[in-house]
C-alpha cells in the first residue's frame, strides 16, 4: 500500500503547488482514478467500486476496499500485482514531478 501513500503525497504536493500559482486544484476524483488505474486487470476491483454510490466514494473508502481485497489474495499473486502497480505508480510520479518542476519555474 506504500504506492498509494506515495500517490496521495504527490497529489497533495501538486495541489499545494497549484495553489501557490493561484490555479485550480485537482479534485479527489483524479487521485481515485489514478489509484484505480494502477490496479492490474486481474484485481477485479472495478465492479466492486462501481457498486458503491458515487456520493459515498472517497479516497479512504477506496484504500480500505483495496486492502480488503489484497488481504484475500494468495501471497504469490499479491507480489506480482504489487510489482505491476509499483511500475505504473513510478511512471505517474515521474510525470507529476516534471509538472511540479515546470510550475516552479
PDB file of N, CA and C in Angstrom:
ATOM      1  N   UNK A   1       0.819  -1.200   0.000  1.00  0.00           N
ATOM      2  CA  UNK A   1       0.000   0.000   0.000  1.00  0.00           C
ATOM      3  C   UNK A   1       0.863   1.264   0.000  1.00  0.00           C
ATOM      4  N   UNK A   2       2.179   1.087   0.021  1.00  0.00           N
ATOM      5  CA  UNK A   2       3.057   2.253   0.005  1.00  0.00           C
ATOM      6  C   UNK A   2       2.872   3.077  -1.258  1.00  0.00           C
ATOM      7  N   UNK A   3       2.568   2.399  -2.379  1.00  0.00           N
ATOM      8  CA  UNK A   3       2.409   3.132  -3.629  1.00  0.00           C
ATOM      9  C   UNK A   3       1.218   4.088  -3.553  1.00  0.00           C
ATOM     10  N   UNK A   4       0.184   3.714  -2.819  1.00  0.00           N
ATOM     11  CA  UNK A   4      -0.973   4.599  -2.677  1.00  0.00           C
ATOM     12  C   UNK A   4      -0.613   5.791  -1.795  1.00  0.00           C
ATOM     13  N   UNK A   5       0.136   5.550  -0.745  1.00  0.00           N
ATOM     14  CA  UNK A   5       0.580   6.653   0.106  1.00  0.00           C
ATOM     15  C   UNK A   5       1.430   7.633  -0.691  1.00  0.00           C
ATOM     16  N   UNK A   6       2.249   7.086  -1.551  1.00  0.00           N
ATOM     17  CA  UNK A   6       3.101   7.937  -2.383  1.00  0.00           C
ATOM     18  C   UNK A   6       2.252   8.749  -3.370  1.00  0.00           C
ATOM     19  N   UNK A   7       1.241   8.129  -3.934  1.00  0.00           N
ATOM     20  CA  UNK A   7       0.334   8.857  -4.831  1.00  0.00           C
ATOM     21  C   UNK A   7      -0.384   9.978  -4.079  1.00  0.00           C
ATOM     22  N   UNK A   8      -0.822   9.685  -2.863  1.00  0.00           N
ATOM     23  CA  UNK A   8      -1.507  10.702  -2.061  1.00  0.00           C
ATOM     24  C   UNK A   8      -0.577  11.878  -1.764  1.00  0.00           C
ATOM     25  N   UNK A   9       0.644  11.580  -1.409  1.00  0.00           N
ATOM     26  CA  UNK A   9       1.624  12.626  -1.116  1.00  0.00           C
ATOM     27  C   UNK A   9       1.880  13.486  -2.348  1.00  0.00           C
ATOM     28  N   UNK A  10       2.084  12.857  -3.468  1.00  0.00           N
ATOM     29  CA  UNK A  10       2.337  13.596  -4.706  1.00  0.00           C
ATOM     30  C   UNK A  10       1.122  14.432  -5.093  1.00  0.00           C
ATOM     31  N   UNK A  11      -0.054  13.874  -4.934  1.00  0.00           N
ATOM     32  CA  UNK A  11      -1.290  14.591  -5.230  1.00  0.00           C
ATOM     33  C   UNK A  11      -1.382  15.852  -4.364  1.00  0.00           C
ATOM     34  N   UNK A  12      -1.085  15.700  -3.083  1.00  0.00           N
ATOM     35  CA  UNK A  12      -1.124  16.846  -2.174  1.00  0.00           C
ATOM     36  C   UNK A  12      -0.092  17.900  -2.577  1.00  0.00           C
ATOM     37  N   UNK A  13       1.119  17.455  -2.934  1.00  0.00           N
ATOM     38  CA  UNK A  13       2.174  18.385  -3.341  1.00  0.00           C
ATOM     39  C   UNK A  13       1.796  19.146  -4.608  1.00  0.00           C
ATOM     40  N   UNK A  14       1.199  18.448  -5.562  1.00  0.00           N
ATOM     41  CA  UNK A  14       0.766  19.108  -6.799  1.00  0.00           C
ATOM     42  C   UNK A  14      -0.300  20.153  -6.482  1.00  0.00           C
ATOM     43  N   UNK A  15      -1.266  19.804  -5.654  1.00  0.00           N
ATOM     44  CA  UNK A  15      -2.314  20.767  -5.298  1.00  0.00           C
ATOM     45  C   UNK A  15      -1.753  21.966  -4.539  1.00  0.00           C
ATOM     46  N   UNK A  16      -0.783  21.730  -3.670  1.00  0.00           N
ATOM     47  CA  UNK A  16      -0.150  22.844  -2.957  1.00  0.00           C
ATOM     48  C   UNK A  16       0.569  23.768  -3.936  1.00  0.00           C
ATOM     49  N   UNK A  17       1.241  23.182  -4.899  1.00  0.00           N
ATOM     50  CA  UNK A  17       1.957  23.976  -5.900  1.00  0.00           C
ATOM     51  C   UNK A  17       0.970  24.757  -6.775  1.00  0.00           C
ATOM     52  N   UNK A  18      -0.125  24.121  -7.126  1.00  0.00           N
ATOM     53  CA  UNK A  18      -1.151  24.813  -7.917  1.00  0.00           C
ATOM     54  C   UNK A  18      -1.739  25.996  -7.139  1.00  0.00           C
ATOM     55  N   UNK A  19      -1.952  25.809  -5.842  1.00  0.00           N
ATOM     56  CA  UNK A  19      -2.479  26.884  -5.013  1.00  0.00           C
ATOM     57  C   UNK A  19      -1.509  28.058  -4.950  1.00  0.00           C
ATOM     58  N   UNK A  20      -0.215  27.766  -4.901  1.00  0.00           N
ATOM     59  CA  UNK A  20       0.791  28.835  -4.871  1.00  0.00           C
ATOM     60  C   UNK A  20       0.713  29.697  -6.120  1.00  0.00           C
ATOM     61  N   UNK A  21       0.299  29.101  -7.222  1.00  0.00           N
ATOM     62  CA  UNK A  21       0.216  29.809  -8.501  1.00  0.00           C
ATOM     63  C   UNK A  21      -1.214  30.264  -8.801  1.00  0.00           C
ATOM     64  N   UNK A  22      -2.043  30.256  -7.760  1.00  0.00           N
ATOM     65  CA  UNK A  22      -3.448  30.666  -7.879  1.00  0.00           C
ATOM     66  C   UNK A  22      -4.188  29.928  -8.988  1.00  0.00           C
ATOM     67  N   UNK A  23      -3.842  28.683  -9.163  1.00  0.00           N
ATOM     68  CA  UNK A  23      -4.512  27.841 -10.159  1.00  0.00           C
ATOM     69  C   UNK A  23      -5.522  26.937  -9.461  1.00  0.00           C
ATOM     70  N   UNK A  24      -6.432  26.392 -10.224  1.00  0.00           N
ATOM     71  CA  UNK A  24      -7.409  25.459  -9.672  1.00  0.00           C
ATOM     72  C   UNK A  24      -6.715  24.178  -9.232  1.00  0.00           C
ATOM     73  N   UNK A  25      -7.161  23.641  -8.114  1.00  0.00           N
ATOM     74  CA  UNK A  25      -6.571  22.398  -7.628  1.00  0.00           C
ATOM     75  C   UNK A  25      -7.278  21.208  -8.279  1.00  0.00           C
ATOM     76  N   UNK A  26      -6.617  20.079  -8.219  1.00  0.00           N
ATOM     77  CA  UNK A  26      -7.172  18.859  -8.791  1.00  0.00           C
ATOM     78  C   UNK A  26      -8.211  18.262  -7.842  1.00  0.00           C
ATOM     79  N   UNK A  27      -9.331  17.794  -8.351  1.00  0.00           N
ATOM     80  CA  UNK A  27     -10.327  17.161  -7.477  1.00  0.00           C
ATOM     81  C   UNK A  27      -9.855  15.765  -7.053  1.00  0.00           C
ATOM     82  N   UNK A  28     -10.386  15.281  -5.956  1.00  0.00           N
ATOM     83  CA  UNK A  28     -10.009  13.958  -5.452  1.00  0.00           C
ATOM     84  C   UNK A  28     -10.366  12.842  -6.426  1.00  0.00           C
ATOM     85  N   UNK A  29     -11.280  13.118  -7.326  1.00  0.00           N
ATOM     86  CA  UNK A  29     -11.633  12.138  -8.348  1.00  0.00           C
ATOM     87  C   UNK A  29     -10.403  11.766  -9.188  1.00  0.00           C
ATOM     88  N   UNK A  30      -9.519  12.720  -9.407  1.00  0.00           N
ATOM     89  CA  UNK A  30      -8.289  12.462 -10.165  1.00  0.00           C
ATOM     90  C   UNK A  30      -7.425  11.453  -9.418  1.00  0.00           C
ATOM     91  N   UNK A  31      -7.279  11.644  -8.125  1.00  0.00           N
ATOM     92  CA  UNK A  31      -6.482  10.716  -7.315  1.00  0.00           C
ATOM     93  C   UNK A  31      -7.116   9.331  -7.296  1.00  0.00           C
ATOM     94  N   UNK A  32      -8.417   9.271  -7.099  1.00  0.00           N
ATOM     95  CA  UNK A  32      -9.090   7.969  -7.071  1.00  0.00           C
ATOM     96  C   UNK A  32      -8.956   7.255  -8.421  1.00  0.00           C
ATOM     97  N   UNK A  33      -9.086   8.007  -9.498  1.00  0.00           N
ATOM     98  CA  UNK A  33      -8.937   7.411 -10.835  1.00  0.00           C
ATOM     99  C   UNK A  33      -7.524   6.890 -11.042  1.00  0.00           C
ATOM    100  N   UNK A  34      -6.550   7.644 -10.572  1.00  0.00           N
ATOM    101  CA  UNK A  34      -5.159   7.211 -10.731  1.00  0.00           C
ATOM    102  C   UNK A  34      -4.892   5.939  -9.919  1.00  0.00           C
ATOM    103  N   UNK A  35      -5.388   5.876  -8.720  1.00  0.00           N
ATOM    104  CA  UNK A  35      -5.219   4.672  -7.905  1.00  0.00           C
ATOM    105  C   UNK A  35      -5.854   3.482  -8.611  1.00  0.00           C
ATOM    106  N   UNK A  36      -7.055   3.682  -9.132  1.00  0.00           N
ATOM    107  CA  UNK A  36      -7.750   2.602  -9.838  1.00  0.00           C
ATOM    108  C   UNK A  36      -6.958   2.142 -11.059  1.00  0.00           C
ATOM    109  N   UNK A  37      -6.342   3.091 -11.763  1.00  0.00           N
ATOM    110  CA  UNK A  37      -5.613   2.727 -12.992  1.00  0.00           C
ATOM    111  C   UNK A  37      -4.340   1.942 -12.706  1.00  0.00           C
ATOM    112  N   UNK A  38      -3.855   2.004 -11.469  1.00  0.00           N
ATOM    113  CA  UNK A  38      -2.643   1.237 -11.133  1.00  0.00           C
ATOM    114  C   UNK A  38      -2.956  -0.214 -10.784  1.00  0.00           C
ATOM    115  N   UNK A  39      -4.224  -0.514 -10.585  1.00  0.00           N
ATOM    116  CA  UNK A  39      -4.597  -1.881 -10.220  1.00  0.00           C
ATOM    117  C   UNK A  39      -4.573  -2.773 -11.462  1.00  0.00           C
ATOM    118  N   UNK A  40      -3.984  -3.955 -11.362  1.00  0.00           N
ATOM    119  CA  UNK A  40      -3.994  -4.866 -12.509  1.00  0.00           C
ATOM    120  C   UNK A  40      -5.398  -5.350 -12.827  1.00  0.00           C
ATOM    121  N   UNK A  41      -5.625  -5.712 -14.074  1.00  0.00           N
ATOM    122  CA  UNK A  41      -6.956  -6.161 -14.511  1.00  0.00           C
ATOM    123  C   UNK A  41      -7.428  -7.370 -13.714  1.00  0.00           C
ATOM    124  N   UNK A  42      -6.497  -8.222 -13.321  1.00  0.00           N
ATOM    125  CA  UNK A  42      -6.840  -9.431 -12.577  1.00  0.00           C
ATOM    126  C   UNK A  42      -7.406  -9.121 -11.195  1.00  0.00           C
ATOM    127  N   UNK A  43      -7.241  -7.887 -10.763  1.00  0.00           N
ATOM    128  CA  UNK A  43      -7.684  -7.497  -9.428  1.00  0.00           C
ATOM    129  C   UNK A  43      -9.204  -7.524  -9.304  1.00  0.00           C
ATOM    130  N   UNK A  44      -9.914  -7.377 -10.407  1.00  0.00           N
ATOM    131  CA  UNK A  44     -11.376  -7.419 -10.446  1.00  0.00           C
ATOM    132  C   UNK A  44     -12.009  -6.467  -9.430  1.00  0.00           C
ATOM    133  N   UNK A  45     -11.491  -5.281  -9.374  1.00  0.00           N
ATOM    134  CA  UNK A  45     -11.949  -4.320  -8.381  1.00  0.00           C
ATOM    135  C   UNK A  45     -12.968  -3.337  -8.939  1.00  0.00           C
ATOM    136  N   UNK A  46     -12.913  -3.095 -10.224  1.00  0.00           N
ATOM    137  CA  UNK A  46     -13.748  -2.065 -10.829  1.00  0.00           C
ATOM    138  C   UNK A  46     -15.236  -2.284 -10.554  1.00  0.00           C
ATOM    139  N   UNK A  47     -15.707  -3.499 -10.709  1.00  0.00           N
ATOM    140  CA  UNK A  47     -17.138  -3.755 -10.485  1.00  0.00           C
ATOM    141  C   UNK A  47     -17.526  -3.552  -9.018  1.00  0.00           C
ATOM    142  N   UNK A  48     -16.616  -3.867  -8.112  1.00  0.00           N
ATOM    143  CA  UNK A  48     -16.875  -3.642  -6.683  1.00  0.00           C
ATOM    144  C   UNK A  48     -17.008  -2.144  -6.420  1.00  0.00           C
ATOM    145  N   UNK A  49     -16.091  -1.374  -6.977  1.00  0.00           N
ATOM    146  CA  UNK A  49     -16.091   0.076  -6.758  1.00  0.00           C
ATOM    147  C   UNK A  49     -17.322   0.721  -7.391  1.00  0.00           C
ATOM    148  N   UNK A  50     -17.690   0.267  -8.573  1.00  0.00           N
ATOM    149  CA  UNK A  50     -18.848   0.847  -9.257  1.00  0.00           C
ATOM    150  C   UNK A  50     -20.164   0.531  -8.557  1.00  0.00           C
ATOM    151  N   UNK A  51     -20.175  -0.475  -7.699  1.00  0.00           N
ATOM    152  CA  UNK A  51     -21.395  -0.805  -6.961  1.00  0.00           C
ATOM    153  C   UNK A  51     -21.639   0.159  -5.793  1.00  0.00           C
ATOM    154  N   UNK A  52     -20.643   0.963  -5.460  1.00  0.00           N
ATOM    155  CA  UNK A  52     -20.774   1.945  -4.373  1.00  0.00           C
ATOM    156  C   UNK A  52     -21.350   3.236  -4.960  1.00  0.00           C
ATOM    157  N   UNK A  53     -22.375   3.805  -4.337  1.00  0.00           N
ATOM    158  CA  UNK A  53     -22.936   5.065  -4.856  1.00  0.00           C
ATOM    159  C   UNK A  53     -21.854   6.149  -4.963  1.00  0.00           C
ATOM    160  N   UNK A  54     -21.906   6.926  -6.020  1.00  0.00           N
ATOM    161  CA  UNK A  54     -20.894   7.953  -6.284  1.00  0.00           C
ATOM    162  C   UNK A  54     -20.742   8.901  -5.092  1.00  0.00           C
ATOM    163  N   UNK A  55     -21.816   9.274  -4.483  1.00  0.00           N
ATOM    164  CA  UNK A  55     -21.766  10.204  -3.350  1.00  0.00           C
ATOM    165  C   UNK A  55     -21.015   9.621  -2.151  1.00  0.00           C
ATOM    166  N   UNK A  56     -20.951   8.293  -2.048  1.00  0.00           N
ATOM    167  CA  UNK A  56     -20.293   7.639  -0.910  1.00  0.00           C
ATOM    168  C   UNK A  56     -18.822   7.329  -1.164  1.00  0.00           C
ATOM    169  N   UNK A  57     -18.352   7.502  -2.386  1.00  0.00           N
ATOM    170  CA  UNK A  57     -16.968   7.165  -2.726  1.00  0.00           C
ATOM    171  C   UNK A  57     -16.006   8.209  -2.172  1.00  0.00           C
ATOM    172  N   UNK A  58     -14.907   7.712  -1.612  1.00  0.00           N
ATOM    173  CA  UNK A  58     -13.856   8.591  -1.103  1.00  0.00           C
ATOM    174  C   UNK A  58     -12.524   7.862  -1.234  1.00  0.00           C
ATOM    175  N   UNK A  59     -11.452   8.608  -1.106  1.00  0.00           N
ATOM    176  CA  UNK A  59     -10.124   8.000  -1.178  1.00  0.00           C
ATOM    177  C   UNK A  59      -9.948   6.990  -0.047  1.00  0.00           C
ATOM    178  N   UNK A  60     -10.399   7.348   1.142  1.00  0.00           N
ATOM    179  CA  UNK A  60     -10.258   6.437   2.289  1.00  0.00           C
ATOM    180  C   UNK A  60     -11.022   5.129   2.073  1.00  0.00           C
ATOM    181  N   UNK A  61     -12.234   5.234   1.542  1.00  0.00           N
ATOM    182  CA  UNK A  61     -13.022   4.028   1.279  1.00  0.00           C
ATOM    183  C   UNK A  61     -12.361   3.194   0.185  1.00  0.00           C
ATOM    184  N   UNK A  62     -11.836   3.841  -0.825  1.00  0.00           N
ATOM    185  CA  UNK A  62     -11.141   3.137  -1.899  1.00  0.00           C
ATOM    186  C   UNK A  62      -9.960   2.336  -1.345  1.00  0.00           C
ATOM    187  N   UNK A  63      -9.154   2.966  -0.522  1.00  0.00           N
ATOM    188  CA  UNK A  63      -7.994   2.299   0.071  1.00  0.00           C
ATOM    189  C   UNK A  63      -8.430   1.140   0.955  1.00  0.00           C
ATOM    190  N   UNK A  64      -9.475   1.359   1.724  1.00  0.00           N
ATOM    191  CA  UNK A  64      -9.991   0.296   2.605  1.00  0.00           C
ATOM    192  C   UNK A  64     -10.411  -0.926   1.788  1.00  0.00           C
ATOM    193  N   UNK A  65     -11.115  -0.701   0.689  1.00  0.00           N
ATOM    194  CA  UNK A  65     -11.578  -1.810  -0.154  1.00  0.00           C
ATOM    195  C   UNK A  65     -10.408  -2.529  -0.830  1.00  0.00           C
ATOM    196  N   UNK A  66      -9.419  -1.777  -1.283  1.00  0.00           N
ATOM    197  CA  UNK A  66      -8.249  -2.395  -1.916  1.00  0.00           C
ATOM    198  C   UNK A  66      -7.513  -3.269  -0.905  1.00  0.00           C
ATOM    199  N   UNK A  67      -7.344  -2.767   0.305  1.00  0.00           N
ATOM    200  CA  UNK A  67      -6.682  -3.557   1.361  1.00  0.00           C
ATOM    201  C   UNK A  67      -7.438  -4.843   1.643  1.00  0.00           C
ATOM    202  N   UNK A  68      -8.737  -4.748   1.683  1.00  0.00           N
ATOM    203  CA  UNK A  68      -9.564  -5.922   1.944  1.00  0.00           C
ATOM    204  C   UNK A  68      -9.363  -6.973   0.857  1.00  0.00           C
ATOM    205  N   UNK A  69      -9.380  -6.550  -0.389  1.00  0.00           N
ATOM    206  CA  UNK A  69      -9.192  -7.490  -1.498  1.00  0.00           C
ATOM    207  C   UNK A  69      -7.778  -8.058  -1.484  1.00  0.00           C
ATOM    208  N   UNK A  70      -6.780  -7.207  -1.247  1.00  0.00           N
ATOM    209  CA  UNK A  70      -5.396  -7.686  -1.184  1.00  0.00           C
ATOM    210  C   UNK A  70      -5.215  -8.727  -0.092  1.00  0.00           C
ATOM    211  N   UNK A  71      -5.878  -8.535   1.037  1.00  0.00           N
ATOM    212  CA  UNK A  71      -5.722  -9.476   2.153  1.00  0.00           C
ATOM    213  C   UNK A  71      -6.292 -10.853   1.821  1.00  0.00           C
ATOM    214  N   UNK A  72      -7.180 -10.916   0.839  1.00  0.00           N
ATOM    215  CA  UNK A  72      -7.793 -12.189   0.465  1.00  0.00           C
ATOM    216  C   UNK A  72      -7.051 -12.901  -0.655  1.00  0.00           C
ATOM    217  N   UNK A  73      -6.117 -12.217  -1.302  1.00  0.00           N
ATOM    218  CA  UNK A  73      -5.379 -12.823  -2.412  1.00  0.00           C
ATOM    219  C   UNK A  73      -4.256 -13.714  -1.897  1.00  0.00           C
ATOM    220  N   UNK A  74      -3.931 -14.774  -2.638  1.00  0.00           N
ATOM    221  CA  UNK A  74      -2.772 -15.588  -2.265  1.00  0.00           C
ATOM    222  C   UNK A  74      -1.502 -14.728  -2.297  1.00  0.00           C
ATOM    223  N   UNK A  75      -0.567 -15.010  -1.442  1.00  0.00           N
ATOM    224  CA  UNK A  75       0.654 -14.196  -1.284  1.00  0.00           C
ATOM    225  C   UNK A  75       1.418 -14.027  -2.599  1.00  0.00           C
ATOM    226  N   UNK A  76       1.575 -15.089  -3.374  1.00  0.00           N
ATOM    227  CA  UNK A  76       2.324 -15.035  -4.626  1.00  0.00           C
ATOM    228  C   UNK A  76       1.649 -14.084  -5.610  1.00  0.00           C
ATOM    229  N   UNK A  77       0.338 -14.134  -5.682  1.00  0.00           N
ATOM    230  CA  UNK A  77      -0.425 -13.280  -6.591  1.00  0.00           C
ATOM    231  C   UNK A  77      -0.277 -11.810  -6.197  1.00  0.00           C
ATOM    232  N   UNK A  78      -0.266 -11.530  -4.911  1.00  0.00           N
ATOM    233  CA  UNK A  78      -0.122 -10.161  -4.428  1.00  0.00           C
ATOM    234  C   UNK A  78       1.237  -9.609  -4.832  1.00  0.00           C
ATOM    235  N   UNK A  79       2.294 -10.410  -4.744  1.00  0.00           N
ATOM    236  CA  UNK A  79       3.634  -9.947  -5.084  1.00  0.00           C
ATOM    237  C   UNK A  79       3.729  -9.516  -6.542  1.00  0.00           C
ATOM    238  N   UNK A  80       3.193 -10.303  -7.442  1.00  0.00           N
ATOM    239  CA  UNK A  80       3.224  -9.957  -8.861  1.00  0.00           C
ATOM    240  C   UNK A  80       2.407  -8.715  -9.159  1.00  0.00           C
ATOM    241  N   UNK A  81       1.263  -8.594  -8.535  1.00  0.00           N
ATOM    242  CA  UNK A  81       0.415  -7.431  -8.754  1.00  0.00           C
ATOM    243  C   UNK A  81       1.049  -6.183  -8.147  1.00  0.00           C
ATOM    244  N   UNK A  82       1.702  -6.340  -7.027  1.00  0.00           N
ATOM    245  CA  UNK A  82       2.354  -5.198  -6.386  1.00  0.00           C
ATOM    246  C   UNK A  82       3.447  -4.638  -7.289  1.00  0.00           C
ATOM    247  N   UNK A  83       4.202  -5.500  -7.944  1.00  0.00           N
ATOM    248  CA  UNK A  83       5.249  -5.037  -8.853  1.00  0.00           C
ATOM    249  C   UNK A  83       4.628  -4.256 -10.007  1.00  0.00           C
ATOM    250  N   UNK A  84       3.562  -4.760 -10.580  1.00  0.00           N
ATOM    251  CA  UNK A  84       2.872  -4.076 -11.676  1.00  0.00           C
ATOM    252  C   UNK A  84       2.372  -2.698 -11.227  1.00  0.00           C
ATOM    253  N   UNK A  85       1.782  -2.629 -10.040  1.00  0.00           N
ATOM    254  CA  UNK A  85       1.262  -1.371  -9.519  1.00  0.00           C
ATOM    255  C   UNK A  85       2.390  -0.388  -9.252  1.00  0.00           C
ATOM    256  N   UNK A  86       3.508  -0.885  -8.735  1.00  0.00           N
ATOM    257  CA  UNK A  86       4.640  -0.010  -8.452  1.00  0.00           C
ATOM    258  C   UNK A  86       5.200   0.594  -9.729  1.00  0.00           C
ATOM    259  N   UNK A  87       5.267  -0.172 -10.800  1.00  0.00           N
ATOM    260  CA  UNK A  87       5.779   0.340 -12.068  1.00  0.00           C
ATOM    261  C   UNK A  87       4.855   1.427 -12.611  1.00  0.00           C
ATOM    262  N   UNK A  88       3.549   1.191 -12.581  1.00  0.00           N
ATOM    263  CA  UNK A  88       2.588   2.205 -13.027  1.00  0.00           C
ATOM    264  C   UNK A  88       2.696   3.476 -12.188  1.00  0.00           C
ATOM    265  N   UNK A  89       2.826   3.296 -10.895  1.00  0.00           N
ATOM    266  CA  UNK A  89       2.918   4.434  -9.989  1.00  0.00           C
ATOM    267  C   UNK A  89       4.197   5.216 -10.238  1.00  0.00           C
ATOM    268  N   UNK A  90       5.291   4.525 -10.451  1.00  0.00           N
ATOM    269  CA  UNK A  90       6.568   5.188 -10.703  1.00  0.00           C
ATOM    270  C   UNK A  90       6.476   6.087 -11.938  1.00  0.00           C
ATOM    271  N   UNK A  91       5.885   5.585 -13.013  1.00  0.00           N
ATOM    272  CA  UNK A  91       5.715   6.387 -14.235  1.00  0.00           C
ATOM    273  C   UNK A  91       4.873   7.622 -13.955  1.00  0.00           C
ATOM    274  N   UNK A  92       3.797   7.440 -13.208  1.00  0.00           N
ATOM    275  CA  UNK A  92       2.920   8.555 -12.877  1.00  0.00           C
ATOM    276  C   UNK A  92       3.651   9.596 -12.031  1.00  0.00           C
ATOM    277  N   UNK A  93       4.405   9.140 -11.031  1.00  0.00           N
ATOM    278  CA  UNK A  93       5.123  10.058 -10.154  1.00  0.00           C
ATOM    279  C   UNK A  93       6.190  10.837 -10.909  1.00  0.00           C
ATOM    280  N   UNK A  94       6.862  10.190 -11.841  1.00  0.00           N
ATOM    281  CA  UNK A  94       7.860  10.887 -12.651  1.00  0.00           C
ATOM    282  C   UNK A  94       7.209  12.008 -13.461  1.00  0.00           C
ATOM    283  N   UNK A  95       6.070  11.729 -14.041  1.00  0.00           N
ATOM    284  CA  UNK A  95       5.360  12.756 -14.810  1.00  0.00           C
ATOM    285  C   UNK A  95       4.898  13.904 -13.914  1.00  0.00           C
ATOM    286  N   UNK A  96       4.406  13.588 -12.724  1.00  0.00           N
ATOM    287  CA  UNK A  96       3.977  14.646 -11.806  1.00  0.00           C
ATOM    288  C   UNK A  96       5.159  15.480 -11.333  1.00  0.00           C
ATOM    289  N   UNK A  97       6.290  14.838 -11.093  1.00  0.00           N
ATOM    290  CA  UNK A  97       7.487  15.558 -10.665  1.00  0.00           C
ATOM    291  C   UNK A  97       7.908  16.557 -11.738  1.00  0.00           C
ATOM    292  N   UNK A  98       7.857  16.134 -12.979  1.00  0.00           N
ATOM    293  CA  UNK A  98       8.195  17.050 -14.081  1.00  0.00           C
ATOM    294  C   UNK A  98       7.225  18.217 -14.123  1.00  0.00           C
ATOM    295  N   UNK A  99       5.960  17.954 -13.903  1.00  0.00           N
ATOM    296  CA  UNK A  99       4.957  19.016 -13.918  1.00  0.00           C
ATOM    297  C   UNK A  99       5.217  20.017 -12.797  1.00  0.00           C
ATOM    298  N   UNK A 100       5.522  19.516 -11.616  1.00  0.00           N
ATOM    299  CA  UNK A 100       5.807  20.399 -10.471  1.00  0.00           C
ATOM    300  C   UNK A 100       7.017  21.279 -10.777  1.00  0.00           C
ATOM    301  N   UNK A 101       8.061  20.682 -11.354  1.00  0.00           N
ATOM    302  CA  UNK A 101       9.264  21.460 -11.688  1.00  0.00           C
ATOM    303  C   UNK A 101       8.949  22.557 -12.700  1.00  0.00           C
ATOM    304  N   UNK A 102       8.088  22.261 -13.664  1.00  0.00           N
ATOM    305  CA  UNK A 102       7.705  23.280 -14.656  1.00  0.00           C
ATOM    306  C   UNK A 102       6.924  24.409 -13.993  1.00  0.00           C
ATOM    307  N   UNK A 103       6.053  24.052 -13.035  1.00  0.00           N
ATOM    308  CA  UNK A 103       5.275  25.079 -12.341  1.00  0.00           C
ATOM    309  C   UNK A 103       6.151  25.984 -11.500  1.00  0.00           C
ATOM    310  N   UNK A 104       7.206  25.447 -10.951  1.00  0.00           N
ATOM    311  CA  UNK A 104       8.088  26.216 -10.078  1.00  0.00           C
ATOM    312  C   UNK A 104       8.954  27.211 -10.843  1.00  0.00           C
ATOM    313  N   UNK A 105       9.091  27.013 -12.136  1.00  0.00           N
ATOM    314  CA  UNK A 105       9.929  27.925 -12.939  1.00  0.00           C
ATOM    315  C   UNK A 105       9.306  29.262 -13.108  1.00  0.00           C
TER     316      UNK A 105
END
